[in-house]
Amino acid sequence: MASSDKAVVALIGLAAVIFLVYRIYLWLQSSPDSFLKDRVPINKDIAPHPSIEWLEAAGYEVIGGKLKIPLSFNVDGAPMYSRLFIDYVAAKEDGSYYLVILSRPRKELEFTGSALRDALLPYLLIYPDCSGVLYVNTVSSAIHVISFGRDDGESA
């Protein structure tokens, strides 16, 4: 083989390697973990709280601190604003991510279907790729895992 043929074969091989590395990179970026990390903002500033120890003891890793989600509504042409707050973002070893909400003394969560819908549905609709919400009762140090599902209509 002539030296010019070897150079062409080497260039084709190099192009194939670059293409494969690029495709693997794109594939890794489209994995569920990467997609969720891109979708749920992660605040690296994690404020200390006893609930972090409780979450770690339950097998979760706190990977993000408090998030403020600004909301804007337009009612009959008039703008209105509000916010939702997430106390932490936690991950499980299996790659699942959870939004963590701490209980508040003046705003306890009732564990009824309608109360859960009203309190947590906005979070699960904004971040549909999360595995659910971890509601941490700061008085009893209980962690409630709440995931969203659809009813097939037969439980009515």
N, C-alpha and C. Protein backbone atom coordinates (compact mmCIF):
# COMPACT_ATOMS: atom_id res chain seq x y z
N MET A 1 0.84 -1.17 0.00
CA MET A 1 0.00 0.00 0.00
C MET A 1 0.89 1.24 0.00
N ALA A 2 0.50 2.20 -0.80
CA ALA A 2 1.28 3.44 -0.89
C ALA A 2 1.04 4.28 0.35
N SER A 3 1.98 5.19 0.60
CA SER A 3 1.88 6.02 1.80
C SER A 3 0.65 6.93 1.76
N SER A 4 0.23 7.34 0.56
CA SER A 4 -0.98 8.17 0.46
C SER A 4 -2.22 7.35 0.81
N ASP A 5 -2.22 6.06 0.46
CA ASP A 5 -3.34 5.18 0.83
C ASP A 5 -3.40 5.00 2.34
N LYS A 6 -2.24 4.84 2.97
CA LYS A 6 -2.19 4.69 4.43
C LYS A 6 -2.72 5.95 5.12
N ALA A 7 -2.39 7.10 4.58
CA ALA A 7 -2.85 8.36 5.17
C ALA A 7 -4.37 8.48 5.07
N VAL A 8 -4.93 8.08 3.92
CA VAL A 8 -6.39 8.14 3.74
C VAL A 8 -7.07 7.17 4.71
N VAL A 9 -6.55 5.95 4.82
CA VAL A 9 -7.12 4.96 5.74
C VAL A 9 -7.02 5.48 7.19
N ALA A 10 -5.92 6.11 7.56
CA ALA A 10 -5.74 6.65 8.91
C ALA A 10 -6.74 7.77 9.17
N LEU A 11 -6.95 8.63 8.19
CA LEU A 11 -7.93 9.71 8.35
C LEU A 11 -9.35 9.15 8.49
N ILE A 12 -9.69 8.15 7.71
CA ILE A 12 -11.02 7.53 7.82
C ILE A 12 -11.17 6.88 9.20
N GLY A 13 -10.13 6.20 9.67
CA GLY A 13 -10.17 5.58 11.00
C GLY A 13 -10.33 6.61 12.10
N LEU A 14 -9.59 7.72 11.99
CA LEU A 14 -9.69 8.79 12.97
C LEU A 14 -11.09 9.41 12.98
N ALA A 15 -11.64 9.61 11.79
CA ALA A 15 -13.00 10.15 11.69
C ALA A 15 -14.01 9.20 12.33
N ALA A 16 -13.83 7.89 12.11
CA ALA A 16 -14.74 6.90 12.71
C ALA A 16 -14.64 6.92 14.23
N VAL A 17 -13.44 7.03 14.78
CA VAL A 17 -13.25 7.07 16.23
C VAL A 17 -13.90 8.34 16.80
N ILE A 18 -13.69 9.48 16.17
CA ILE A 18 -14.30 10.73 16.63
C ILE A 18 -15.82 10.62 16.59
N PHE A 19 -16.36 10.04 15.52
CA PHE A 19 -17.80 9.88 15.40
C PHE A 19 -18.33 8.98 16.52
N LEU A 20 -17.65 7.88 16.81
CA LEU A 20 -18.10 6.96 17.86
C LEU A 20 -18.05 7.63 19.23
N VAL A 21 -16.98 8.34 19.51
CA VAL A 21 -16.88 9.03 20.80
C VAL A 21 -18.00 10.06 20.92
N TYR A 22 -18.29 10.79 19.86
CA TYR A 22 -19.36 11.79 19.87
C TYR A 22 -20.72 11.13 20.09
N ARG A 23 -20.97 10.02 19.43
CA ARG A 23 -22.26 9.32 19.60
C ARG A 23 -22.40 8.78 21.02
N ILE A 24 -21.33 8.27 21.60
CA ILE A 24 -21.38 7.77 22.98
C ILE A 24 -21.65 8.94 23.93
N TYR A 25 -21.02 10.07 23.68
CA TYR A 25 -21.26 11.26 24.49
C TYR A 25 -22.74 11.67 24.42
N LEU A 26 -23.30 11.71 23.23
CA LEU A 26 -24.72 12.06 23.10
C LEU A 26 -25.61 11.04 23.80
N TRP A 27 -25.28 9.77 23.70
CA TRP A 27 -26.06 8.72 24.34
C TRP A 27 -26.02 8.88 25.86
N LEU A 28 -24.85 9.17 26.40
CA LEU A 28 -24.73 9.36 27.85
C LEU A 28 -25.51 10.60 28.30
N GLN A 29 -25.50 11.65 27.50
CA GLN A 29 -26.25 12.85 27.86
C GLN A 29 -27.74 12.62 27.83
N SER A 30 -28.21 11.68 27.04
CA SER A 30 -29.64 11.43 26.96
C SER A 30 -30.11 10.38 27.95
N SER A 31 -29.21 9.88 28.80
CA SER A 31 -29.62 8.90 29.80
C SER A 31 -30.53 9.59 30.82
N PRO A 32 -31.41 8.84 31.51
CA PRO A 32 -32.35 9.47 32.43
C PRO A 32 -31.67 10.31 33.51
N ASP A 33 -30.54 9.87 34.04
CA ASP A 33 -29.86 10.64 35.08
C ASP A 33 -29.45 12.01 34.55
N SER A 34 -28.80 12.05 33.40
CA SER A 34 -28.33 13.32 32.85
C SER A 34 -29.51 14.21 32.51
N PHE A 35 -30.57 13.62 31.95
CA PHE A 35 -31.72 14.41 31.57
C PHE A 35 -32.35 15.05 32.80
N LEU A 36 -32.46 14.29 33.88
CA LEU A 36 -33.08 14.84 35.07
C LEU A 36 -32.20 15.89 35.71
N LYS A 37 -30.89 15.68 35.71
CA LYS A 37 -30.00 16.68 36.28
C LYS A 37 -30.12 17.98 35.52
N ASP A 38 -30.35 17.90 34.22
CA ASP A 38 -30.51 19.11 33.43
C ASP A 38 -31.86 19.76 33.70
N ARG A 39 -32.87 18.96 34.00
CA ARG A 39 -34.21 19.49 34.17
C ARG A 39 -34.43 20.06 35.57
N VAL A 40 -34.00 19.37 36.61
CA VAL A 40 -34.15 19.85 37.97
C VAL A 40 -32.91 20.66 38.31
N PRO A 41 -33.08 21.96 38.55
CA PRO A 41 -31.90 22.75 38.89
C PRO A 41 -31.33 22.28 40.23
N ILE A 42 -30.03 22.22 40.31
CA ILE A 42 -29.37 21.77 41.53
C ILE A 42 -28.65 22.97 42.16
N ASN A 43 -29.08 23.33 43.37
CA ASN A 43 -28.42 24.40 44.13
C ASN A 43 -27.36 23.73 44.98
N LYS A 44 -26.10 23.99 44.68
CA LYS A 44 -24.99 23.34 45.39
C LYS A 44 -24.87 23.82 46.84
N ASP A 45 -25.52 24.92 47.19
CA ASP A 45 -25.47 25.44 48.56
C ASP A 45 -26.52 24.71 49.40
N ILE A 46 -26.07 23.76 50.21
CA ILE A 46 -26.96 22.93 51.01
C ILE A 46 -26.88 23.38 52.46
N ALA A 47 -27.97 23.97 52.94
CA ALA A 47 -28.02 24.46 54.33
C ALA A 47 -28.13 23.27 55.28
N PRO A 48 -27.36 23.27 56.36
CA PRO A 48 -27.43 22.16 57.30
C PRO A 48 -28.79 22.10 58.01
N HIS A 49 -29.26 20.89 58.22
CA HIS A 49 -30.53 20.66 58.90
C HIS A 49 -30.53 19.21 59.36
N PRO A 50 -31.14 18.89 60.49
CA PRO A 50 -31.18 17.50 60.95
C PRO A 50 -31.82 16.55 59.94
N SER A 51 -32.68 17.06 59.09
CA SER A 51 -33.35 16.20 58.11
C SER A 51 -32.35 15.59 57.12
N ILE A 52 -31.22 16.23 56.91
CA ILE A 52 -30.21 15.66 56.00
C ILE A 52 -29.70 14.34 56.56
N GLU A 53 -29.45 14.29 57.86
CA GLU A 53 -29.02 13.04 58.49
C GLU A 53 -30.09 11.97 58.38
N TRP A 54 -31.35 12.35 58.57
CA TRP A 54 -32.45 11.40 58.48
C TRP A 54 -32.54 10.83 57.06
N LEU A 55 -32.39 11.72 56.07
CA LEU A 55 -32.46 11.27 54.68
C LEU A 55 -31.30 10.32 54.36
N GLU A 56 -30.11 10.67 54.83
CA GLU A 56 -28.95 9.80 54.58
C GLU A 56 -29.12 8.45 55.26
N ALA A 57 -29.68 8.44 56.47
CA ALA A 57 -29.92 7.18 57.17
C ALA A 57 -30.94 6.32 56.43
N ALA A 58 -31.83 6.96 55.68
CA ALA A 58 -32.84 6.23 54.92
C ALA A 58 -32.34 5.84 53.53
N GLY A 59 -31.07 6.14 53.21
CA GLY A 59 -30.50 5.72 51.93
C GLY A 59 -30.54 6.76 50.83
N TYR A 60 -30.79 8.00 51.16
CA TYR A 60 -30.82 9.07 50.17
C TYR A 60 -29.56 9.93 50.32
N GLU A 61 -29.15 10.52 49.22
CA GLU A 61 -28.04 11.48 49.24
C GLU A 61 -28.60 12.84 48.86
N VAL A 62 -28.43 13.82 49.71
CA VAL A 62 -28.89 15.17 49.42
C VAL A 62 -27.89 15.80 48.46
N ILE A 63 -28.36 16.13 47.26
CA ILE A 63 -27.47 16.66 46.22
C ILE A 63 -27.73 18.12 45.90
N GLY A 64 -28.80 18.68 46.46
CA GLY A 64 -29.11 20.07 46.17
C GLY A 64 -29.84 20.73 47.32
N GLY A 65 -29.64 22.04 47.45
CA GLY A 65 -30.27 22.81 48.51
C GLY A 65 -31.54 23.48 48.06
N LYS A 66 -31.99 24.45 48.83
CA LYS A 66 -33.27 25.12 48.63
C LYS A 66 -33.38 25.71 47.22
N LEU A 67 -34.54 25.49 46.61
CA LEU A 67 -34.85 26.04 45.30
C LEU A 67 -36.10 26.91 45.40
N LYS A 68 -36.07 28.01 44.73
CA LYS A 68 -37.25 28.88 44.64
C LYS A 68 -37.68 28.85 43.17
N ILE A 69 -38.90 28.42 42.95
CA ILE A 69 -39.43 28.31 41.59
C ILE A 69 -40.40 29.47 41.36
N PRO A 70 -39.99 30.47 40.59
CA PRO A 70 -40.90 31.60 40.35
C PRO A 70 -42.01 31.21 39.38
N LEU A 71 -43.21 31.63 39.70
CA LEU A 71 -44.38 31.37 38.85
C LEU A 71 -45.01 32.70 38.47
N SER A 72 -45.57 32.73 37.30
CA SER A 72 -46.23 33.94 36.85
C SER A 72 -47.56 33.54 36.20
N PHE A 73 -48.59 34.29 36.50
CA PHE A 73 -49.92 34.04 35.96
C PHE A 73 -50.43 35.32 35.32
N ASN A 74 -51.28 35.17 34.35
CA ASN A 74 -51.91 36.32 33.72
C ASN A 74 -53.42 36.14 33.87
N VAL A 75 -54.05 36.99 34.68
CA VAL A 75 -55.48 36.89 34.94
C VAL A 75 -56.15 38.13 34.38
N ASP A 76 -56.92 37.94 33.33
CA ASP A 76 -57.62 39.03 32.67
C ASP A 76 -56.69 40.18 32.34
N GLY A 77 -55.48 39.84 31.88
CA GLY A 77 -54.51 40.85 31.47
C GLY A 77 -53.64 41.39 32.58
N ALA A 78 -53.92 41.00 33.82
CA ALA A 78 -53.12 41.50 34.95
C ALA A 78 -52.14 40.42 35.39
N PRO A 79 -50.87 40.76 35.46
CA PRO A 79 -49.90 39.75 35.89
C PRO A 79 -49.97 39.51 37.40
N MET A 80 -49.80 38.25 37.78
CA MET A 80 -49.73 37.86 39.19
C MET A 80 -48.56 36.92 39.34
N TYR A 81 -47.91 37.00 40.50
CA TYR A 81 -46.70 36.23 40.70
C TYR A 81 -46.79 35.43 42.00
N SER A 82 -46.11 34.32 42.00
CA SER A 82 -46.03 33.49 43.19
C SER A 82 -44.75 32.68 43.11
N ARG A 83 -44.50 31.84 44.13
CA ARG A 83 -43.32 31.00 44.15
C ARG A 83 -43.65 29.67 44.80
N LEU A 84 -42.93 28.66 44.39
CA LEU A 84 -42.94 27.37 45.07
C LEU A 84 -41.54 27.16 45.62
N PHE A 85 -41.45 26.46 46.74
CA PHE A 85 -40.15 26.22 47.34
C PHE A 85 -39.91 24.73 47.48
N ILE A 86 -38.70 24.32 47.17
CA ILE A 86 -38.24 22.95 47.39
C ILE A 86 -37.08 23.06 48.37
N ASP A 87 -37.14 22.28 49.45
CA ASP A 87 -36.10 22.41 50.48
C ASP A 87 -34.79 21.74 50.07
N TYR A 88 -34.88 20.57 49.46
CA TYR A 88 -33.68 19.85 49.02
C TYR A 88 -34.03 19.01 47.79
N VAL A 89 -33.00 18.57 47.10
CA VAL A 89 -33.13 17.56 46.06
C VAL A 89 -32.28 16.38 46.52
N ALA A 90 -32.87 15.19 46.51
CA ALA A 90 -32.17 14.00 47.00
C ALA A 90 -32.14 12.94 45.91
N ALA A 91 -31.10 12.11 45.96
CA ALA A 91 -30.94 11.03 44.99
C ALA A 91 -30.83 9.70 45.73
N LYS A 92 -31.27 8.68 45.08
CA LYS A 92 -31.14 7.31 45.58
C LYS A 92 -30.06 6.63 44.75
N GLU A 93 -29.49 5.55 45.26
CA GLU A 93 -28.41 4.86 44.55
C GLU A 93 -28.84 4.36 43.17
N ASP A 94 -30.13 4.05 43.01
CA ASP A 94 -30.61 3.53 41.73
C ASP A 94 -30.76 4.61 40.66
N GLY A 95 -30.37 5.85 41.00
CA GLY A 95 -30.43 6.93 40.02
C GLY A 95 -31.71 7.74 40.07
N SER A 96 -32.64 7.40 40.97
CA SER A 96 -33.88 8.15 41.06
C SER A 96 -33.66 9.43 41.86
N TYR A 97 -34.41 10.47 41.51
CA TYR A 97 -34.30 11.77 42.14
C TYR A 97 -35.63 12.14 42.78
N TYR A 98 -35.53 12.80 43.94
CA TYR A 98 -36.72 13.20 44.68
C TYR A 98 -36.62 14.65 45.09
N LEU A 99 -37.75 15.34 45.07
CA LEU A 99 -37.84 16.67 45.61
C LEU A 99 -38.16 16.51 47.10
N VAL A 100 -37.47 17.24 47.96
CA VAL A 100 -37.65 17.10 49.41
C VAL A 100 -38.37 18.34 49.92
N ILE A 101 -39.48 18.10 50.62
CA ILE A 101 -40.26 19.16 51.25
C ILE A 101 -40.26 18.89 52.75
N LEU A 102 -39.85 19.87 53.53
CA LEU A 102 -39.87 19.74 54.99
C LEU A 102 -41.22 20.24 55.52
N SER A 103 -41.71 19.59 56.57
CA SER A 103 -42.97 20.03 57.17
C SER A 103 -42.77 21.39 57.82
N ARG A 104 -43.83 22.14 57.87
CA ARG A 104 -43.83 23.46 58.50
C ARG A 104 -44.88 23.44 59.61
N PRO A 105 -44.56 24.04 60.76
CA PRO A 105 -45.52 24.01 61.88
C PRO A 105 -46.88 24.61 61.52
N ARG A 106 -46.88 25.67 60.74
CA ARG A 106 -48.15 26.33 60.40
C ARG A 106 -48.81 25.75 59.16
N LYS A 107 -48.13 24.80 58.50
CA LYS A 107 -48.67 24.27 57.25
C LYS A 107 -48.40 22.77 57.16
N GLU A 108 -49.02 22.01 58.04
CA GLU A 108 -48.86 20.55 58.04
C GLU A 108 -49.60 19.96 56.84
N LEU A 109 -49.04 18.93 56.30
CA LEU A 109 -49.64 18.24 55.16
C LEU A 109 -50.62 17.19 55.65
N GLU A 110 -51.83 17.24 55.15
CA GLU A 110 -52.82 16.21 55.47
C GLU A 110 -52.63 15.08 54.47
N PHE A 111 -52.68 13.86 54.95
CA PHE A 111 -52.50 12.71 54.07
C PHE A 111 -53.85 12.19 53.58
N THR A 112 -54.49 13.03 52.77
CA THR A 112 -55.70 12.65 52.05
C THR A 112 -55.42 12.88 50.58
N GLY A 113 -56.16 12.22 49.74
CA GLY A 113 -55.93 12.37 48.30
C GLY A 113 -56.03 13.80 47.83
N SER A 114 -57.06 14.52 48.27
CA SER A 114 -57.24 15.90 47.80
C SER A 114 -56.17 16.83 48.36
N ALA A 115 -55.77 16.62 49.62
CA ALA A 115 -54.73 17.48 50.20
C ALA A 115 -53.39 17.23 49.53
N LEU A 116 -53.06 15.98 49.24
CA LEU A 116 -51.81 15.67 48.53
C LEU A 116 -51.83 16.27 47.13
N ARG A 117 -52.98 16.17 46.46
CA ARG A 117 -53.10 16.75 45.12
C ARG A 117 -52.85 18.25 45.18
N ASP A 118 -53.52 18.93 46.09
CA ASP A 118 -53.40 20.39 46.16
C ASP A 118 -51.99 20.83 46.53
N ALA A 119 -51.35 20.10 47.44
CA ALA A 119 -50.05 20.54 47.94
C ALA A 119 -48.89 20.12 47.04
N LEU A 120 -48.96 18.93 46.45
CA LEU A 120 -47.77 18.39 45.77
C LEU A 120 -47.87 18.29 44.26
N LEU A 121 -49.06 18.31 43.72
CA LEU A 121 -49.19 18.17 42.27
C LEU A 121 -48.41 19.23 41.49
N PRO A 122 -48.38 20.50 41.93
CA PRO A 122 -47.58 21.47 41.17
C PRO A 122 -46.11 21.06 41.03
N TYR A 123 -45.53 20.51 42.09
CA TYR A 123 -44.13 20.08 42.03
C TYR A 123 -43.95 18.95 41.02
N LEU A 124 -44.85 18.00 41.06
CA LEU A 124 -44.72 16.83 40.19
C LEU A 124 -45.03 17.17 38.74
N LEU A 125 -45.82 18.20 38.51
CA LEU A 125 -46.09 18.63 37.13
C LEU A 125 -44.94 19.47 36.57
N ILE A 126 -44.30 20.27 37.43
CA ILE A 126 -43.17 21.08 36.97
C ILE A 126 -41.97 20.19 36.66
N TYR A 127 -41.75 19.16 37.50
CA TYR A 127 -40.63 18.24 37.31
C TYR A 127 -41.16 16.81 37.16
N PRO A 128 -41.76 16.49 36.02
CA PRO A 128 -42.38 15.17 35.85
C PRO A 128 -41.38 14.02 35.83
N ASP A 129 -40.10 14.32 35.63
CA ASP A 129 -39.11 13.25 35.55
C ASP A 129 -38.56 12.84 36.91
N CYS A 130 -38.95 13.57 37.96
CA CYS A 130 -38.49 13.16 39.30
C CYS A 130 -39.31 11.93 39.72
N SER A 131 -38.75 11.17 40.64
CA SER A 131 -39.41 9.95 41.07
C SER A 131 -40.51 10.20 42.09
N GLY A 132 -40.53 11.40 42.65
CA GLY A 132 -41.57 11.73 43.61
C GLY A 132 -41.11 12.80 44.57
N VAL A 133 -41.85 12.92 45.66
CA VAL A 133 -41.56 13.91 46.70
C VAL A 133 -41.28 13.16 47.99
N LEU A 134 -40.25 13.59 48.68
CA LEU A 134 -39.98 13.09 50.03
C LEU A 134 -40.48 14.16 50.98
N TYR A 135 -41.53 13.84 51.73
CA TYR A 135 -42.07 14.78 52.71
C TYR A 135 -41.49 14.39 54.06
N VAL A 136 -40.71 15.29 54.63
CA VAL A 136 -40.03 15.00 55.90
C VAL A 136 -40.77 15.72 57.03
N ASN A 137 -41.34 14.93 57.93
CA ASN A 137 -41.99 15.49 59.10
C ASN A 137 -40.89 15.82 60.10
N THR A 138 -40.64 17.11 60.30
CA THR A 138 -39.52 17.54 61.14
C THR A 138 -39.78 17.33 62.63
N VAL A 139 -41.03 17.07 63.02
CA VAL A 139 -41.34 16.82 64.42
C VAL A 139 -41.06 15.36 64.78
N SER A 140 -41.54 14.45 63.93
CA SER A 140 -41.38 13.02 64.22
C SER A 140 -40.20 12.40 63.49
N SER A 141 -39.51 13.16 62.65
CA SER A 141 -38.40 12.72 61.80
C SER A 141 -38.79 11.57 60.87
N ALA A 142 -40.07 11.52 60.51
CA ALA A 142 -40.55 10.51 59.57
C ALA A 142 -40.40 11.02 58.14
N ILE A 143 -40.03 10.11 57.25
CA ILE A 143 -39.89 10.45 55.83
C ILE A 143 -40.98 9.70 55.07
N HIS A 144 -41.81 10.46 54.37
CA HIS A 144 -42.89 9.87 53.58
C HIS A 144 -42.51 9.98 52.10
N VAL A 145 -42.50 8.85 51.40
CA VAL A 145 -42.19 8.83 49.97
C VAL A 145 -43.51 8.91 49.22
N ILE A 146 -43.68 9.97 48.45
CA ILE A 146 -44.94 10.20 47.74
C ILE A 146 -44.63 10.25 46.25
N SER A 147 -45.22 9.34 45.51
CA SER A 147 -45.05 9.35 44.05
C SER A 147 -46.41 9.57 43.40
N PHE A 148 -46.36 10.05 42.21
CA PHE A 148 -47.57 10.43 41.47
C PHE A 148 -47.96 9.31 40.53
N GLY A 149 -49.24 9.00 40.52
CA GLY A 149 -49.77 7.99 39.59
C GLY A 149 -51.15 8.39 39.15
N ARG A 150 -51.65 7.73 38.13
CA ARG A 150 -52.99 8.00 37.65
C ARG A 150 -53.90 6.88 38.08
N ASP A 151 -55.12 7.25 38.43
CA ASP A 151 -56.12 6.27 38.83
C ASP A 151 -56.82 5.77 37.57
N ASP A 152 -57.05 4.47 37.52
CA ASP A 152 -57.73 3.92 36.35
C ASP A 152 -59.24 4.11 36.41
N GLY A 153 -59.74 4.76 37.45
CA GLY A 153 -61.15 5.07 37.56
C GLY A 153 -61.95 4.01 38.29
N GLU A 154 -61.36 2.90 38.67
CA GLU A 154 -62.09 1.82 39.31
C GLU A 154 -62.16 1.95 40.81
N SER A 155 -61.44 2.92 41.39
CA SER A 155 -61.44 3.05 42.84
C SER A 155 -62.49 4.03 43.33
N ALA A 156 -63.32 4.53 42.44
CA ALA A 156 -64.31 5.55 42.82
C ALA A 156 -65.44 5.00 43.63
